[in-house]
Protein backbone atom coordinates (compact mmCIF):
# COMPACT_ATOMS: atom_id res chain seq x y z
CA MET A 1 89.55 -95.42 40.83
CA THR A 2 86.21 -95.31 42.67
CA SER A 3 85.37 -92.17 44.62
CA ASN A 4 84.12 -92.41 48.19
CA HIS A 5 82.20 -89.15 47.77
CA PRO A 6 78.50 -89.14 46.76
CA ALA A 7 77.59 -87.95 43.29
CA ALA A 8 76.58 -84.31 42.97
CA GLY A 9 72.97 -83.79 44.03
CA THR A 10 72.78 -87.04 46.02
CA GLU A 11 74.18 -85.87 49.36
CA ASP A 12 70.82 -85.64 51.17
CA LEU A 13 69.28 -88.79 49.75
CA PRO A 14 68.67 -91.80 51.96
CA GLN A 15 70.16 -95.15 51.09
CA ILE A 16 68.01 -96.56 48.27
CA THR A 17 67.51 -100.30 48.12
CA VAL A 18 64.93 -102.45 46.31
CA GLY A 19 62.16 -104.69 47.59
CA LEU A 20 59.98 -107.04 45.58
CA GLY A 21 56.36 -105.88 45.45
CA LEU A 22 55.04 -109.36 44.57
CA TRP A 23 52.03 -107.64 43.02
CA LYS A 24 48.86 -109.73 42.88
CA ASP A 25 47.77 -108.27 39.53
CA ARG A 26 51.02 -109.15 37.73
CA PRO A 27 52.66 -112.45 36.68
CA ALA A 28 54.59 -114.00 39.56
CA HIS A 29 57.78 -114.41 37.51
CA GLU A 30 58.17 -110.64 37.27
CA ALA A 31 59.77 -110.81 40.70
CA LEU A 32 62.74 -112.50 39.05
CA GLU A 33 62.89 -109.84 36.37
CA THR A 34 62.85 -107.04 38.93
CA ALA A 35 65.60 -108.78 40.89
CA LYS A 36 67.79 -109.15 37.82
CA LEU A 37 67.38 -105.47 36.96
CA ALA A 38 68.19 -104.40 40.52
CA ASP A 39 71.40 -106.41 40.26
CA GLU A 40 72.29 -104.95 36.86
CA HIS A 41 71.80 -101.43 38.24
CA ASN A 42 74.08 -102.22 41.20
CA PHE A 43 71.57 -101.46 43.93
CA PRO A 44 73.14 -102.22 47.32
CA GLU A 45 70.46 -104.64 48.55
CA LEU A 46 67.39 -106.62 47.47
CA TRP A 47 64.67 -107.48 49.99
CA ILE A 48 62.74 -110.70 49.31
CA GLY A 49 59.53 -111.30 51.21
CA GLU A 50 56.66 -113.59 50.39
CA ARG A 51 52.94 -113.41 49.79
CA GLU A 52 50.66 -115.86 47.98
CA THR A 53 53.15 -117.10 45.37
CA TYR A 54 56.78 -118.04 45.93
CA ASP A 55 58.35 -119.29 49.12
CA THR A 56 61.00 -116.77 50.24
CA PHE A 57 63.88 -119.23 50.34
CA ALA A 58 62.98 -120.80 46.99
CA LEU A 59 62.65 -117.42 45.30
CA ALA A 60 65.88 -116.15 46.86
CA THR A 61 67.76 -119.23 45.65
CA ALA A 62 66.43 -118.71 42.13
CA ILE A 63 67.43 -115.05 42.27
CA GLY A 64 70.88 -115.97 43.55
CA SER A 65 71.38 -118.23 40.55
CA CYS A 66 70.53 -115.57 37.95
CA THR A 67 72.11 -112.47 39.46
CA GLN A 68 75.75 -111.64 39.93
CA ARG A 69 76.35 -109.79 43.16
CA ILE A 70 73.40 -108.05 44.81
CA PRO A 71 73.19 -108.77 48.56
CA LEU A 72 69.89 -110.29 49.69
CA THR A 73 67.72 -109.64 52.73
CA LEU A 74 65.18 -112.38 53.34
CA GLY A 75 61.93 -111.21 54.85
CA PRO A 76 60.56 -109.87 57.01
CA LEU A 77 59.85 -113.52 57.84
CA PRO A 78 56.92 -114.15 60.21
CA VAL A 79 58.30 -115.54 63.47
CA ALA A 80 54.96 -117.09 64.37
CA VAL A 81 55.18 -119.27 61.24
CA ARG A 82 58.92 -119.85 60.76
CA ASP A 83 60.89 -120.94 63.81
CA PRO A 84 64.51 -119.76 64.35
CA ALA A 85 66.13 -123.03 63.23
CA MET A 86 64.06 -122.98 60.03
CA ILE A 87 65.00 -119.34 59.36
CA ALA A 88 68.71 -119.86 60.01
CA ARG A 89 68.87 -123.04 57.92
CA GLY A 90 66.91 -121.44 55.07
CA ALA A 91 69.10 -118.34 54.96
CA ALA A 92 72.28 -120.45 55.11
CA SER A 93 70.92 -122.60 52.27
CA VAL A 94 70.29 -119.54 50.10
CA ALA A 95 73.79 -118.20 50.77
CA ALA A 96 75.46 -121.53 50.03
CA LEU A 97 73.43 -122.32 46.91
CA SER A 98 74.04 -118.79 45.62
CA GLY A 99 77.81 -119.17 45.71
CA GLY A 100 78.39 -117.48 49.04
CA ARG A 101 76.13 -114.49 48.37
CA LYS A 102 75.80 -112.01 51.24
CA VAL A 103 72.46 -112.83 52.91
CA ARG A 104 70.75 -111.00 55.75
CA ILE A 105 67.66 -111.95 57.73
CA ALA A 106 64.64 -109.79 58.60
CA VAL A 107 61.90 -110.94 60.94
CA GLY A 108 58.49 -109.53 61.77
CA PRO A 109 55.17 -110.33 63.42
CA SER A 110 53.15 -110.58 60.18
CA SER A 111 49.34 -110.39 60.50
CA PRO A 112 46.55 -112.58 61.93
CA ILE A 113 45.30 -113.17 58.37
CA ILE A 114 48.56 -114.94 57.49
CA VAL A 115 49.56 -116.40 60.84
CA THR A 116 46.17 -117.59 62.10
CA GLY A 117 44.14 -117.70 58.89
CA TRP A 118 46.62 -119.24 56.44
CA HIS A 119 48.77 -121.26 58.84
CA GLY A 120 46.57 -121.89 61.86
CA ARG A 121 49.25 -120.62 64.25
CA ASP A 122 48.99 -118.56 67.43
CA HIS A 123 49.53 -114.84 66.82
CA ARG A 124 49.57 -113.75 70.46
CA ARG A 125 52.55 -111.90 71.98
CA PRO A 126 54.21 -110.99 68.65
CA ALA A 127 56.85 -108.73 70.25
CA ARG A 128 57.83 -111.51 72.64
CA ALA A 129 58.01 -113.98 69.74
CA MET A 130 60.32 -111.64 67.84
CA SER A 131 62.56 -111.08 70.85
CA GLU A 132 62.94 -114.78 71.56
CA SER A 133 63.46 -115.59 67.88
CA VAL A 134 66.27 -113.04 67.60
CA GLN A 135 67.85 -114.45 70.76
CA ALA A 136 67.99 -117.89 69.14
CA LEU A 137 69.09 -116.57 65.75
CA ARG A 138 72.07 -114.77 67.29
CA HIS A 139 73.36 -118.15 68.51
CA PHE A 140 72.67 -119.94 65.22
CA LEU A 141 74.37 -117.24 63.15
CA ALA A 142 77.41 -117.53 65.41
CA GLN A 143 77.51 -121.26 64.56
CA GLU A 144 76.42 -122.10 68.10
CA ARG A 145 73.68 -124.28 69.52
CA ALA A 146 70.84 -122.27 70.99
CA VAL A 147 68.95 -123.16 74.13
CA VAL A 148 65.88 -120.97 74.32
CA ASP A 149 62.96 -121.94 76.53
CA GLY A 150 60.84 -118.85 76.11
CA GLN A 151 57.21 -117.98 76.53
CA VAL A 152 56.63 -118.39 72.77
CA ILE A 153 59.80 -119.77 71.16
CA ARG A 154 61.59 -122.93 72.22
CA THR A 155 64.60 -124.54 70.63
CA ARG A 156 67.35 -126.86 71.80
CA GLY A 157 70.24 -128.73 70.19
CA TYR A 158 70.27 -127.40 66.59
CA ARG A 159 73.41 -125.91 65.06
CA LEU A 160 74.10 -124.87 61.49
CA ARG A 161 76.39 -127.13 59.49
CA LEU A 162 76.48 -124.82 56.48
CA PRO A 163 78.45 -121.58 56.70
CA ALA A 164 76.31 -119.06 58.53
CA PRO A 165 74.96 -116.02 56.68
CA THR A 166 75.70 -112.59 58.08
CA GLY A 167 74.53 -111.98 61.64
CA TYR A 168 72.96 -108.62 60.75
CA LEU A 169 69.31 -108.85 61.84
CA THR A 170 66.45 -106.55 60.88
CA MET A 171 63.18 -106.38 62.81
CA ALA A 172 59.91 -105.06 61.38
CA ALA A 173 58.17 -103.07 64.09
CA PHE A 174 55.05 -100.94 64.48
CA GLY A 175 53.70 -100.89 68.02
CA THR A 176 55.36 -99.71 71.22
CA HIS A 177 56.41 -103.17 72.43
CA ALA A 178 57.86 -104.16 69.05
CA ILE A 179 59.80 -100.90 68.75
CA ARG A 180 61.16 -101.36 72.27
CA THR A 181 62.29 -104.85 71.27
CA ALA A 182 63.94 -103.51 68.10
CA ALA A 183 65.72 -100.81 70.10
CA ARG A 184 67.27 -103.46 72.32
CA GLN A 185 68.01 -106.24 69.86
CA ALA A 186 67.87 -105.19 66.19
CA ASP A 187 70.64 -104.09 63.89
CA ARG A 188 68.02 -102.29 61.78
CA MET A 189 64.29 -101.59 62.07
CA ALA A 190 61.91 -101.78 59.12
CA VAL A 191 58.53 -100.10 58.68
CA ALA A 192 56.18 -100.50 55.74
CA LEU A 193 53.36 -98.58 54.09
CA VAL A 194 53.72 -95.51 56.28
CA THR A 195 53.60 -91.83 55.48
CA ALA A 196 56.84 -89.91 55.83
CA GLU A 197 55.36 -88.19 58.90
CA THR A 198 54.56 -91.52 60.56
CA ALA A 199 58.00 -92.86 59.65
CA ALA A 200 59.55 -89.87 61.41
CA GLU A 201 57.41 -90.52 64.52
CA LEU A 202 58.43 -94.18 64.61
CA ALA A 203 62.12 -93.29 64.16
CA LYS A 204 61.87 -90.83 67.06
CA GLN A 205 60.20 -93.48 69.21
CA LEU A 206 62.98 -95.90 68.33
CA ALA A 207 65.59 -93.29 69.27
CA LYS A 208 63.91 -92.76 72.64
CA GLU A 209 63.77 -96.49 73.35
CA SER A 210 67.38 -96.93 72.20
CA GLU A 211 68.53 -94.19 74.54
CA ALA A 212 66.74 -95.92 77.41
CA ALA A 213 68.49 -99.17 76.43
CA LEU A 214 71.87 -97.39 76.29
CA ARG A 215 72.29 -98.34 72.63
CA PRO A 216 72.77 -96.27 69.48
CA ARG A 217 69.57 -96.02 67.47
CA PRO A 218 69.52 -98.73 64.80
CA PRO A 219 69.03 -97.45 61.25
CA VAL A 220 65.43 -97.31 60.03
CA ALA A 221 64.33 -98.61 56.63
CA ALA A 222 60.93 -97.70 55.16
CA TRP A 223 59.27 -99.82 52.47
CA VAL A 224 57.75 -97.39 49.96
CA PRO A 225 55.94 -98.17 46.67
CA VAL A 226 57.50 -96.15 43.84
CA ALA A 227 56.36 -95.58 40.25
CA ALA A 228 58.03 -93.31 37.71
CA THR A 229 55.52 -93.98 34.93
CA ALA A 230 51.89 -94.99 34.36
CA GLU A 231 50.76 -93.17 37.47
CA ALA A 232 47.06 -94.10 37.23
CA ALA A 233 47.80 -97.82 36.90
CA ALA A 234 50.39 -97.69 39.69
CA LEU A 235 48.05 -95.85 42.03
CA GLN A 236 45.40 -98.50 41.49
CA GLN A 237 47.95 -101.27 42.03
CA VAL A 238 49.00 -99.87 45.38
CA ARG A 239 45.36 -99.18 46.27
CA ASN A 240 44.62 -102.86 45.70
CA MET A 241 47.48 -103.80 48.01
CA LEU A 242 46.44 -101.42 50.79
CA ALA A 243 43.00 -103.05 50.93
CA ASP A 244 44.69 -106.18 52.33
CA TYR A 245 46.23 -104.25 55.23
CA LEU A 246 43.38 -102.02 56.43
CA ASN A 247 42.45 -104.35 59.28
CA ALA A 248 45.94 -105.68 60.07
CA PRO A 249 47.40 -104.86 63.50
CA GLY A 250 49.96 -102.09 63.31
CA TYR A 251 48.96 -101.04 59.81
CA SER A 252 45.41 -100.15 60.85
CA GLN A 253 46.70 -97.99 63.69
CA MET A 254 49.08 -96.21 61.32
CA PHE A 255 46.32 -95.53 58.79
CA ALA A 256 44.12 -94.19 61.57
CA ARG A 257 46.99 -92.04 62.86
CA ALA A 258 47.37 -90.62 59.35
CA GLY A 259 43.73 -89.48 59.45
CA TYR A 260 41.95 -92.42 57.84
CA GLY A 261 40.24 -93.96 60.85
CA ASP A 262 36.91 -94.02 59.01
CA VAL A 263 38.41 -96.34 56.38
CA VAL A 264 39.79 -98.63 59.10
CA ASP A 265 36.39 -98.65 60.85
CA PHE A 266 34.74 -99.68 57.58
CA ALA A 267 37.24 -102.53 57.14
CA ARG A 268 36.36 -103.74 60.64
CA SER A 269 32.60 -103.43 60.20
CA SER A 270 30.25 -106.40 60.30
CA PRO A 271 29.38 -108.11 58.07
CA ARG A 272 32.93 -108.06 56.73
CA PRO A 273 33.10 -106.01 53.51
CA TYR A 274 34.01 -107.71 50.26
CA ARG A 275 37.54 -107.07 49.02
CA SER A 276 36.17 -105.04 46.11
CA GLN A 277 34.41 -102.79 48.64
CA LEU A 278 37.60 -102.41 50.64
CA ILE A 279 39.52 -101.40 47.53
CA GLU A 280 36.91 -98.78 46.67
CA ALA A 281 37.09 -97.47 50.25
CA VAL A 282 40.83 -96.74 50.01
CA PRO A 283 41.18 -93.07 49.02
CA PHE A 284 43.81 -92.24 46.42
CA GLU A 285 44.95 -89.50 48.79
CA LEU A 286 46.14 -92.20 51.21
CA VAL A 287 47.83 -94.11 48.38
CA LYS A 288 49.79 -91.00 47.42
CA LYS A 289 50.85 -90.42 51.02
CA ILE A 290 52.43 -93.85 51.46
CA GLY A 291 54.02 -94.03 48.00
CA ILE A 292 56.12 -91.99 45.59
CA PHE A 293 54.64 -91.36 42.14
CA GLY A 294 55.54 -89.14 39.21
CA ASP A 295 58.44 -88.13 37.03
CA LYS A 296 62.09 -88.14 38.00
CA ASP A 297 61.89 -84.84 39.89
CA ALA A 298 58.82 -85.99 41.83
CA VAL A 299 60.50 -89.29 42.69
CA ARG A 300 63.63 -87.53 43.89
CA GLN A 301 61.60 -85.15 46.03
CA GLY A 302 59.69 -88.07 47.52
CA LEU A 303 62.94 -89.81 48.39
CA LEU A 304 64.23 -86.64 50.04
CA THR A 305 61.00 -86.34 52.06
CA TYR A 306 61.36 -89.87 53.38
CA GLY A 307 65.09 -89.36 53.79
CA ALA A 308 64.40 -86.63 56.33
CA ALA A 309 62.67 -89.30 58.45
CA VAL A 310 64.56 -92.56 57.84
CA ASP A 311 67.99 -93.83 56.84
CA GLU A 312 66.92 -96.12 54.01
CA VAL A 313 64.09 -96.25 51.50
CA VAL A 314 63.27 -99.75 50.29
CA ALA A 315 61.69 -98.94 46.94
CA LEU A 316 58.96 -101.33 45.82
CA PRO A 317 58.88 -100.63 42.06
CA CYS A 318 55.33 -100.79 40.76
CA SER A 319 54.84 -103.09 37.78
CA THR A 320 52.29 -101.98 35.21
CA PRO A 321 51.61 -102.70 31.52
CA ASP A 322 53.60 -99.54 30.68
CA ASP A 323 56.44 -100.46 33.02
CA PRO A 324 56.65 -104.26 33.36
CA ALA A 325 58.77 -105.44 36.29
CA GLY A 326 59.29 -101.78 37.22
CA ALA A 327 62.13 -101.58 34.71
CA TYR A 328 61.84 -97.85 34.00
CA THR A 329 61.22 -96.99 37.64
CA LEU A 330 64.44 -98.80 38.58
CA GLN A 331 66.26 -96.89 35.84
CA VAL A 332 64.98 -93.61 37.29
CA LEU A 333 65.95 -94.61 40.82
CA GLN A 334 69.44 -95.56 39.70
CA ALA A 335 69.84 -92.27 37.83
CA ILE A 336 68.84 -90.41 40.98
CA ARG A 337 71.33 -92.43 43.03
CA GLN A 338 74.08 -91.52 40.57
CA GLY A 339 73.03 -87.91 40.06
CA LYS A 340 72.43 -88.45 36.34
CA GLY A 341 70.23 -86.29 34.14
CA ASP A 342 68.60 -87.51 30.93
CA LEU A 343 66.88 -90.89 30.82
CA ARG A 344 65.56 -93.18 28.16
CA GLY A 345 61.83 -93.72 28.23
CA PRO A 346 60.21 -97.00 29.30
CA GLY A 347 61.84 -99.73 27.25
CA SER A 348 61.29 -103.34 26.30
CA ARG A 349 60.54 -106.07 28.79
CA PRO A 350 63.66 -107.48 30.49
CA ALA A 351 64.63 -111.09 30.00
CA VAL A 352 63.35 -113.59 32.53
CA CYS A 353 65.99 -115.24 34.69
């Protein structure tokens, strides 16, 4: 018989889910290994985004075929690149091809580097684009045709023929307008690469906007890099990642608000710094503030710190030569979830899906 009560020592922890880090310095296929381990450890959710390697829907379908039960959240998907019909059809395809797996959708504004640079799309009015996308998605996920003739998003006539995935929608939000939109329309709000203090500020802002909208505050999920071994390598891995976000809207403001405006100013300087210079400019102090690093006790304390600010921590397990695919980090996180004590050390590499 399964108990409905949390394990001893876990009462104050936030919900702990897993997100794929899609680390640039590691083999792309490790995303599949991390996903399989998250499923084996019975984590309640796996978030699947995309960067330079796999397409989200393709990767999610592959993960669905080599895991047993873990629910999937696709995204945050950039609404300036993927239109609502594309998002709904892709999510329904993943659910159907994965044997009816529970699939949720997350949307976000992304960054000008991706939207304008990679895809040549218009990145103006991101909060409006998210609002209009969610309006259309609500219809699609109810198996209805949507008619949206918005300022940014337009769709008419499409309706899903496959069974619709769950209608639970997450919105990634940073700025005031995006948070206001999430307060009015989201089932959950996601924030990424923020300090626990900033996460608390954003959650309070969401609560204020939700109160104004006469809605309960949606739960808040924070994406947080986590490493339970090989701290030096993990710190450098996250440092490399942060260099890509120093000049991105939303992220840059958060880094400045955390006291690192000089680093943001350097990223915006002309001529544009080389990526190697940006990496060197990222202080390890900032890396440690937006991630959780150390042994099991340090990881648990980091989770508790974020848990005082948000409802859910989406752990991005760092993948290093000492901890490929984040296997040991996931083991530590699962032990914390279950209130277990002793752990085996970092083990052998997991099998590829």
